[in-house]
Amino acid sequence: AVTGILFTIIAVSVSGFYSVLFIALLGLANALVW
């Protein structure tokens, strides 16, 4: 959950491919939630 919050804030704060990368990294944050 903490990782998801941090990755989301970074994704909406940076630009271009780096923003997309942190949206993709939400997959890492989401993996163990279910």
PDB file of all heavy atoms in Angstrom:
ATOM      1  N   ALA A   1       0.825  -1.214   0.000  1.00  0.00           N
ATOM      2  CA  ALA A   1       0.000   0.000   0.000  1.00  0.00           C
ATOM      3  C   ALA A   1       0.857   1.262   0.000  1.00  0.00           C
ATOM      4  O   ALA A   1       0.600   2.206  -0.761  1.00  0.00           O
ATOM      5  CB  ALA A   1      -0.934  -0.007   1.204  1.00  0.00           C
ATOM      6  N   VAL A   2       1.888   1.289   0.846  1.00  0.00           N
ATOM      7  CA  VAL A   2       2.779   2.454   0.911  1.00  0.00           C
ATOM      8  C   VAL A   2       3.497   2.642  -0.420  1.00  0.00           C
ATOM      9  O   VAL A   2       3.621   3.765  -0.933  1.00  0.00           O
ATOM     10  CB  VAL A   2       3.788   2.296   2.062  1.00  0.00           C
ATOM     11  CG1 VAL A   2       4.846   3.391   2.007  1.00  0.00           C
ATOM     12  CG2 VAL A   2       3.075   2.319   3.410  1.00  0.00           C
ATOM     13  N   THR A   3       3.966   1.534  -0.998  1.00  0.00           N
ATOM     14  CA  THR A   3       4.652   1.596  -2.300  1.00  0.00           C
ATOM     15  C   THR A   3       3.713   2.116  -3.380  1.00  0.00           C
ATOM     16  O   THR A   3       4.102   2.926  -4.222  1.00  0.00           O
ATOM     17  CB  THR A   3       5.177   0.205  -2.694  1.00  0.00           C
ATOM     18  OG1 THR A   3       6.033  -0.293  -1.667  1.00  0.00           O
ATOM     19  CG2 THR A   3       5.967   0.275  -3.998  1.00  0.00           C
ATOM     20  N   GLY A   4       2.449   1.659  -3.350  1.00  0.00           N
ATOM     21  CA  GLY A   4       1.470   2.127  -4.322  1.00  0.00           C
ATOM     22  C   GLY A   4       1.243   3.623  -4.233  1.00  0.00           C
ATOM     23  O   GLY A   4       1.150   4.315  -5.256  1.00  0.00           O
ATOM     24  N   ILE A   5       1.160   4.149  -3.001  1.00  0.00           N
ATOM     25  CA  ILE A   5       0.985   5.593  -2.804  1.00  0.00           C
ATOM     26  C   ILE A   5       2.175   6.360  -3.377  1.00  0.00           C
ATOM     27  O   ILE A   5       2.007   7.333  -4.124  1.00  0.00           O
ATOM     28  CB  ILE A   5       0.804   5.917  -1.308  1.00  0.00           C
ATOM     29  CG1 ILE A   5      -0.525   5.329  -0.790  1.00  0.00           C
ATOM     30  CG2 ILE A   5       0.830   7.434  -1.069  1.00  0.00           C
ATOM     31  CD1 ILE A   5      -0.656   5.368   0.723  1.00  0.00           C
ATOM     32  N   LEU A   6       3.376   5.910  -3.042  1.00  0.00           N
ATOM     33  CA  LEU A   6       4.591   6.595  -3.505  1.00  0.00           C
ATOM     34  C   LEU A   6       4.720   6.551  -5.019  1.00  0.00           C
ATOM     35  O   LEU A   6       5.016   7.570  -5.662  1.00  0.00           O
ATOM     36  CB  LEU A   6       5.825   5.962  -2.848  1.00  0.00           C
ATOM     37  CG  LEU A   6       5.975   6.168  -1.340  1.00  0.00           C
ATOM     38  CD1 LEU A   6       7.183   5.409  -0.811  1.00  0.00           C
ATOM     39  CD2 LEU A   6       6.107   7.661  -1.017  1.00  0.00           C
ATOM     40  N   PHE A   7       4.502   5.387  -5.622  1.00  0.00           N
ATOM     41  CA  PHE A   7       4.632   5.249  -7.077  1.00  0.00           C
ATOM     42  C   PHE A   7       3.599   6.113  -7.807  1.00  0.00           C
ATOM     43  O   PHE A   7       3.900   6.691  -8.851  1.00  0.00           O
ATOM     44  CB  PHE A   7       4.483   3.792  -7.494  1.00  0.00           C
ATOM     45  CG  PHE A   7       5.682   2.932  -7.205  1.00  0.00           C
ATOM     46  CD1 PHE A   7       5.645   1.559  -7.425  1.00  0.00           C
ATOM     47  CD2 PHE A   7       6.854   3.482  -6.708  1.00  0.00           C
ATOM     48  CE1 PHE A   7       6.751   0.760  -7.166  1.00  0.00           C
ATOM     49  CE2 PHE A   7       7.968   2.684  -6.439  1.00  0.00           C
ATOM     50  CZ  PHE A   7       7.914   1.318  -6.671  1.00  0.00           C
ATOM     51  N   THR A   8       2.380   6.196  -7.254  1.00  0.00           N
ATOM     52  CA  THR A   8       1.348   7.019  -7.881  1.00  0.00           C
ATOM     53  C   THR A   8       1.726   8.491  -7.839  1.00  0.00           C
ATOM     54  O   THR A   8       1.602   9.211  -8.847  1.00  0.00           O
ATOM     55  CB  THR A   8      -0.012   6.814  -7.194  1.00  0.00           C
ATOM     56  OG1 THR A   8      -0.380   5.441  -7.245  1.00  0.00           O
ATOM     57  CG2 THR A   8      -1.082   7.649  -7.883  1.00  0.00           C
ATOM     58  N   ILE A   9       2.187   8.966  -6.678  1.00  0.00           N
ATOM     59  CA  ILE A   9       2.574  10.375  -6.537  1.00  0.00           C
ATOM     60  C   ILE A   9       3.712  10.719  -7.494  1.00  0.00           C
ATOM     61  O   ILE A   9       3.705  11.779  -8.142  1.00  0.00           O
ATOM     62  CB  ILE A   9       2.969  10.678  -5.081  1.00  0.00           C
ATOM     63  CG1 ILE A   9       1.730  10.584  -4.173  1.00  0.00           C
ATOM     64  CG2 ILE A   9       3.601  12.063  -4.969  1.00  0.00           C
ATOM     65  CD1 ILE A   9       2.033  10.710  -2.694  1.00  0.00           C
ATOM     66  N   ILE A  10       4.677   9.805  -7.623  1.00  0.00           N
ATOM     67  CA  ILE A  10       5.782  10.036  -8.563  1.00  0.00           C
ATOM     68  C   ILE A  10       5.263  10.071 -10.001  1.00  0.00           C
ATOM     69  O   ILE A  10       5.647  10.928 -10.797  1.00  0.00           O
ATOM     70  CB  ILE A  10       6.864   8.949  -8.409  1.00  0.00           C
ATOM     71  CG1 ILE A  10       7.525   9.050  -7.031  1.00  0.00           C
ATOM     72  CG2 ILE A  10       7.925   9.096  -9.508  1.00  0.00           C
ATOM     73  CD1 ILE A  10       8.468   7.904  -6.707  1.00  0.00           C
ATOM     74  N   ALA A  11       4.361   9.147 -10.330  1.00  0.00           N
ATOM     75  CA  ALA A  11       3.837   9.049 -11.699  1.00  0.00           C
ATOM     76  C   ALA A  11       3.114  10.323 -12.131  1.00  0.00           C
ATOM     77  O   ALA A  11       3.204  10.721 -13.302  1.00  0.00           O
ATOM     78  CB  ALA A  11       2.900   7.853 -11.812  1.00  0.00           C
ATOM     79  N   VAL A  12       2.382  10.971 -11.204  1.00  0.00           N
ATOM     80  CA  VAL A  12       1.662  12.194 -11.573  1.00  0.00           C
ATOM     81  C   VAL A  12       2.534  13.438 -11.434  1.00  0.00           C
ATOM     82  O   VAL A  12       2.091  14.538 -11.792  1.00  0.00           O
ATOM     83  CB  VAL A  12       0.380  12.371 -10.719  1.00  0.00           C
ATOM     84  CG1 VAL A  12      -0.584  11.222 -10.986  1.00  0.00           C
ATOM     85  CG2 VAL A  12       0.702  12.478  -9.241  1.00  0.00           C
ATOM     86  N   SER A  13       3.763  13.266 -10.940  1.00  0.00           N
ATOM     87  CA  SER A  13       4.653  14.403 -10.709  1.00  0.00           C
ATOM     88  C   SER A  13       5.751  14.533 -11.756  1.00  0.00           C
ATOM     89  O   SER A  13       6.274  15.632 -11.978  1.00  0.00           O
ATOM     90  CB  SER A  13       5.292  14.305  -9.320  1.00  0.00           C
ATOM     91  OG  SER A  13       4.306  14.248  -8.307  1.00  0.00           O
ATOM     92  N   VAL A  14       6.126  13.421 -12.400  1.00  0.00           N
ATOM     93  CA  VAL A  14       7.166  13.463 -13.423  1.00  0.00           C
ATOM     94  C   VAL A  14       6.519  13.422 -14.798  1.00  0.00           C
ATOM     95  O   VAL A  14       5.298  13.309 -14.929  1.00  0.00           O
ATOM     96  CB  VAL A  14       8.165  12.299 -13.250  1.00  0.00           C
ATOM     97  CG1 VAL A  14       8.847  12.379 -11.888  1.00  0.00           C
ATOM     98  CG2 VAL A  14       7.479  10.945 -13.412  1.00  0.00           C
ATOM     99  N   SER A  15       7.329  13.492 -15.837  1.00  0.00           N
ATOM    100  CA  SER A  15       6.766  13.562 -17.186  1.00  0.00           C
ATOM    101  C   SER A  15       7.308  12.454 -18.085  1.00  0.00           C
ATOM    102  O   SER A  15       8.270  11.768 -17.747  1.00  0.00           O
ATOM    103  CB  SER A  15       7.086  14.928 -17.815  1.00  0.00           C
ATOM    104  OG  SER A  15       8.492  15.132 -17.862  1.00  0.00           O
ATOM    105  N   GLY A  16       6.642  12.292 -19.224  1.00  0.00           N
ATOM    106  CA  GLY A  16       7.114  11.385 -20.260  1.00  0.00           C
ATOM    107  C   GLY A  16       7.160   9.927 -19.854  1.00  0.00           C
ATOM    108  O   GLY A  16       6.333   9.447 -19.070  1.00  0.00           O
ATOM    109  N   PHE A  17       8.175   9.231 -20.371  1.00  0.00           N
ATOM    110  CA  PHE A  17       8.283   7.793 -20.155  1.00  0.00           C
ATOM    111  C   PHE A  17       8.456   7.441 -18.688  1.00  0.00           C
ATOM    112  O   PHE A  17       8.011   6.379 -18.255  1.00  0.00           O
ATOM    113  CB  PHE A  17       9.453   7.226 -20.965  1.00  0.00           C
ATOM    114  CG  PHE A  17       9.628   5.749 -20.784  1.00  0.00           C
ATOM    115  CD1 PHE A  17       8.769   4.845 -21.404  1.00  0.00           C
ATOM    116  CD2 PHE A  17      10.638   5.240 -19.971  1.00  0.00           C
ATOM    117  CE1 PHE A  17       8.915   3.477 -21.227  1.00  0.00           C
ATOM    118  CE2 PHE A  17      10.792   3.875 -19.785  1.00  0.00           C
ATOM    119  CZ  PHE A  17       9.931   2.996 -20.421  1.00  0.00           C
ATOM    120  N   TYR A  18       9.095   8.333 -17.905  1.00  0.00           N
ATOM    121  CA  TYR A  18       9.289   8.038 -16.486  1.00  0.00           C
ATOM    122  C   TYR A  18       7.946   7.934 -15.767  1.00  0.00           C
ATOM    123  O   TYR A  18       7.762   7.118 -14.863  1.00  0.00           O
ATOM    124  CB  TYR A  18      10.170   9.106 -15.832  1.00  0.00           C
ATOM    125  CG  TYR A  18      11.606   9.042 -16.292  1.00  0.00           C
ATOM    126  CD1 TYR A  18      12.116   9.995 -17.167  1.00  0.00           C
ATOM    127  CD2 TYR A  18      12.444   8.008 -15.870  1.00  0.00           C
ATOM    128  CE1 TYR A  18      13.435   9.932 -17.610  1.00  0.00           C
ATOM    129  CE2 TYR A  18      13.761   7.936 -16.296  1.00  0.00           C
ATOM    130  CZ  TYR A  18      14.249   8.897 -17.179  1.00  0.00           C
ATOM    131  OH  TYR A  18      15.544   8.814 -17.618  1.00  0.00           O
ATOM    132  N   SER A  19       6.996   8.769 -16.160  1.00  0.00           N
ATOM    133  CA  SER A  19       5.662   8.690 -15.573  1.00  0.00           C
ATOM    134  C   SER A  19       5.007   7.352 -15.911  1.00  0.00           C
ATOM    135  O   SER A  19       4.426   6.694 -15.049  1.00  0.00           O
ATOM    136  CB  SER A  19       4.795   9.841 -16.094  1.00  0.00           C
ATOM    137  OG  SER A  19       3.482   9.751 -15.581  1.00  0.00           O
ATOM    138  N   VAL A  20       5.118   6.946 -17.179  1.00  0.00           N
ATOM    139  CA  VAL A  20       4.568   5.656 -17.605  1.00  0.00           C
ATOM    140  C   VAL A  20       5.236   4.513 -16.845  1.00  0.00           C
ATOM    141  O   VAL A  20       4.569   3.555 -16.427  1.00  0.00           O
ATOM    142  CB  VAL A  20       4.763   5.457 -19.121  1.00  0.00           C
ATOM    143  CG1 VAL A  20       4.303   4.064 -19.551  1.00  0.00           C
ATOM    144  CG2 VAL A  20       3.994   6.511 -19.902  1.00  0.00           C
ATOM    145  N   LEU A  21       6.523   4.613 -16.640  1.00  0.00           N
ATOM    146  CA  LEU A  21       7.267   3.568 -15.937  1.00  0.00           C
ATOM    147  C   LEU A  21       6.735   3.358 -14.528  1.00  0.00           C
ATOM    148  O   LEU A  21       6.569   2.213 -14.075  1.00  0.00           O
ATOM    149  CB  LEU A  21       8.757   3.934 -15.883  1.00  0.00           C
ATOM    150  CG  LEU A  21       9.669   2.941 -15.149  1.00  0.00           C
ATOM    151  CD1 LEU A  21       9.658   1.575 -15.832  1.00  0.00           C
ATOM    152  CD2 LEU A  21      11.096   3.483 -15.075  1.00  0.00           C
ATOM    153  N   PHE A  22       6.411   4.449 -13.834  1.00  0.00           N
ATOM    154  CA  PHE A  22       5.916   4.301 -12.463  1.00  0.00           C
ATOM    155  C   PHE A  22       4.471   3.802 -12.427  1.00  0.00           C
ATOM    156  O   PHE A  22       4.071   3.165 -11.449  1.00  0.00           O
ATOM    157  CB  PHE A  22       6.086   5.609 -11.685  1.00  0.00           C
ATOM    158  CG  PHE A  22       7.461   5.756 -11.105  1.00  0.00           C
ATOM    159  CD1 PHE A  22       8.447   6.465 -11.782  1.00  0.00           C
ATOM    160  CD2 PHE A  22       7.797   5.153  -9.900  1.00  0.00           C
ATOM    161  CE1 PHE A  22       9.732   6.573 -11.274  1.00  0.00           C
ATOM    162  CE2 PHE A  22       9.080   5.247  -9.379  1.00  0.00           C
ATOM    163  CZ  PHE A  22      10.053   5.970 -10.075  1.00  0.00           C
ATOM    164  N   ILE A  23       3.703   4.054 -13.478  1.00  0.00           N
ATOM    165  CA  ILE A  23       2.386   3.422 -13.566  1.00  0.00           C
ATOM    166  C   ILE A  23       2.565   1.921 -13.752  1.00  0.00           C
ATOM    167  O   ILE A  23       1.862   1.116 -13.127  1.00  0.00           O
ATOM    168  CB  ILE A  23       1.564   4.019 -14.725  1.00  0.00           C
ATOM    169  CG1 ILE A  23       1.254   5.492 -14.459  1.00  0.00           C
ATOM    170  CG2 ILE A  23       0.268   3.229 -14.930  1.00  0.00           C
ATOM    171  CD1 ILE A  23       0.432   5.737 -13.199  1.00  0.00           C
ATOM    172  N   ALA A  24       3.528   1.526 -14.585  1.00  0.00           N
ATOM    173  CA  ALA A  24       3.811   0.099 -14.775  1.00  0.00           C
ATOM    174  C   ALA A  24       4.285  -0.539 -13.473  1.00  0.00           C
ATOM    175  O   ALA A  24       3.929  -1.682 -13.164  1.00  0.00           O
ATOM    176  CB  ALA A  24       4.861  -0.085 -15.871  1.00  0.00           C
ATOM    177  N   LEU A  25       5.061   0.207 -12.697  1.00  0.00           N
ATOM    178  CA  LEU A  25       5.572  -0.322 -11.430  1.00  0.00           C
ATOM    179  C   LEU A  25       4.477  -0.498 -10.380  1.00  0.00           C
ATOM    180  O   LEU A  25       4.701  -1.166  -9.368  1.00  0.00           O
ATOM    181  CB  LEU A  25       6.678   0.590 -10.888  1.00  0.00           C
ATOM    182  CG  LEU A  25       8.031   0.485 -11.599  1.00  0.00           C
ATOM    183  CD1 LEU A  25       8.994   1.538 -11.083  1.00  0.00           C
ATOM    184  CD2 LEU A  25       8.626  -0.914 -11.434  1.00  0.00           C
ATOM    185  N   LEU A  26       3.300   0.066 -10.637  1.00  0.00           N
ATOM    186  CA  LEU A  26       2.177  -0.220  -9.743  1.00  0.00           C
ATOM    187  C   LEU A  26       1.857  -1.715  -9.764  1.00  0.00           C
ATOM    188  O   LEU A  26       1.302  -2.245  -8.801  1.00  0.00           O
ATOM    189  CB  LEU A  26       0.943   0.586 -10.161  1.00  0.00           C
ATOM    190  CG  LEU A  26       0.983   2.087  -9.885  1.00  0.00           C
ATOM    191  CD1 LEU A  26      -0.298   2.754 -10.374  1.00  0.00           C
ATOM    192  CD2 LEU A  26       1.191   2.368  -8.397  1.00  0.00           C
ATOM    193  N   GLY A  27       2.232  -2.392 -10.855  1.00  0.00           N
ATOM    194  CA  GLY A  27       2.075  -3.848 -10.897  1.00  0.00           C
ATOM    195  C   GLY A  27       2.860  -4.514  -9.784  1.00  0.00           C
ATOM    196  O   GLY A  27       2.400  -5.496  -9.179  1.00  0.00           O
ATOM    197  N   LEU A  28       4.049  -3.987  -9.494  1.00  0.00           N
ATOM    198  CA  LEU A  28       4.877  -4.510  -8.402  1.00  0.00           C
ATOM    199  C   LEU A  28       4.195  -4.253  -7.056  1.00  0.00           C
ATOM    200  O   LEU A  28       4.154  -5.137  -6.193  1.00  0.00           O
ATOM    201  CB  LEU A  28       6.254  -3.842  -8.435  1.00  0.00           C
ATOM    202  CG  LEU A  28       7.282  -4.291  -7.395  1.00  0.00           C
ATOM    203  CD1 LEU A  28       7.636  -5.766  -7.582  1.00  0.00           C
ATOM    204  CD2 LEU A  28       8.539  -3.435  -7.492  1.00  0.00           C
ATOM    205  N   ALA A  29       3.652  -3.054  -6.893  1.00  0.00           N
ATOM    206  CA  ALA A  29       2.962  -2.720  -5.645  1.00  0.00           C
ATOM    207  C   ALA A  29       1.692  -3.542  -5.472  1.00  0.00           C
ATOM    208  O   ALA A  29       1.307  -3.879  -4.349  1.00  0.00           O
ATOM    209  CB  ALA A  29       2.623  -1.228  -5.625  1.00  0.00           C
ATOM    210  N   ASN A  30       1.040  -3.898  -6.576  1.00  0.00           N
ATOM    211  CA  ASN A  30      -0.242  -4.601  -6.513  1.00  0.00           C
ATOM    212  C   ASN A  30      -0.114  -6.111  -6.323  1.00  0.00           C
ATOM    213  O   ASN A  30      -1.078  -6.761  -5.892  1.00  0.00           O
ATOM    214  CB  ASN A  30      -1.033  -4.349  -7.808  1.00  0.00           C
ATOM    215  CG  ASN A  30      -1.488  -2.913  -7.941  1.00  0.00           C
ATOM    216  OD1 ASN A  30      -1.601  -2.192  -6.958  1.00  0.00           O
ATOM    217  ND2 ASN A  30      -1.743  -2.475  -9.162  1.00  0.00           N
ATOM    218  N   ALA A  31       1.033  -6.664  -6.632  1.00  0.00           N
ATOM    219  CA  ALA A  31       1.173  -8.116  -6.745  1.00  0.00           C
ATOM    220  C   ALA A  31       0.695  -8.891  -5.519  1.00  0.00           C
ATOM    221  O   ALA A  31       0.013  -9.913  -5.639  1.00  0.00           O
ATOM    222  CB  ALA A  31       2.629  -8.472  -7.060  1.00  0.00           C
ATOM    223  N   LEU A  32       1.046  -8.429  -4.323  1.00  0.00           N
ATOM    224  CA  LEU A  32       0.765  -9.206  -3.118  1.00  0.00           C
ATOM    225  C   LEU A  32      -0.493  -8.769  -2.385  1.00  0.00           C
ATOM    226  O   LEU A  32      -0.806  -9.301  -1.314  1.00  0.00           O
ATOM    227  CB  LEU A  32       1.970  -9.115  -2.166  1.00  0.00           C
ATOM    228  CG  LEU A  32       3.283  -9.654  -2.726  1.00  0.00           C
ATOM    229  CD1 LEU A  32       4.400  -9.499  -1.705  1.00  0.00           C
ATOM    230  CD2 LEU A  32       3.148 -11.107  -3.145  1.00  0.00           C
ATOM    231  N   VAL A  33      -1.240  -7.820  -2.953  1.00  0.00           N
ATOM    232  CA  VAL A  33      -2.422  -7.311  -2.266  1.00  0.00           C
ATOM    233  C   VAL A  33      -3.548  -8.343  -2.245  1.00  0.00           C
ATOM    234  O   VAL A  33      -4.145  -8.618  -1.195  1.00  0.00           O
ATOM    235  CB  VAL A  33      -2.902  -5.994  -2.913  1.00  0.00           C
ATOM    236  CG1 VAL A  33      -4.165  -5.495  -2.223  1.00  0.00           C
ATOM    237  CG2 VAL A  33      -1.812  -4.927  -2.829  1.00  0.00           C
ATOM    238  N   TRP A  34      -3.858  -8.923  -3.398  1.00  0.00           N
ATOM    239  CA  TRP A  34      -4.936  -9.921  -3.476  1.00  0.00           C
ATOM    240  C   TRP A  34      -4.703 -11.094  -2.515  1.00  0.00           C
ATOM    241  O   TRP A  34      -5.574 -11.411  -1.699  1.00  0.00           O
ATOM    242  CB  TRP A  34      -5.078 -10.389  -4.918  1.00  0.00           C
ATOM    243  CG  TRP A  34      -6.046 -11.515  -5.140  1.00  0.00           C
ATOM    244  CD1 TRP A  34      -5.825 -12.854  -4.942  1.00  0.00           C
ATOM    245  CD2 TRP A  34      -7.401 -11.421  -5.613  1.00  0.00           C
ATOM    246  NE1 TRP A  34      -6.934 -13.594  -5.265  1.00  0.00           N
ATOM    247  CE2 TRP A  34      -7.921 -12.734  -5.680  1.00  0.00           C
ATOM    248  CE3 TRP A  34      -8.210 -10.363  -5.994  1.00  0.00           C
ATOM    249  CZ2 TRP A  34      -9.218 -13.002  -6.109  1.00  0.00           C
ATOM    250  CZ3 TRP A  34      -9.496 -10.627  -6.419  1.00  0.00           C
ATOM    251  CH2 TRP A  34      -9.995 -11.936  -6.476  1.00  0.00           C
TER     252      TRP A  34
END
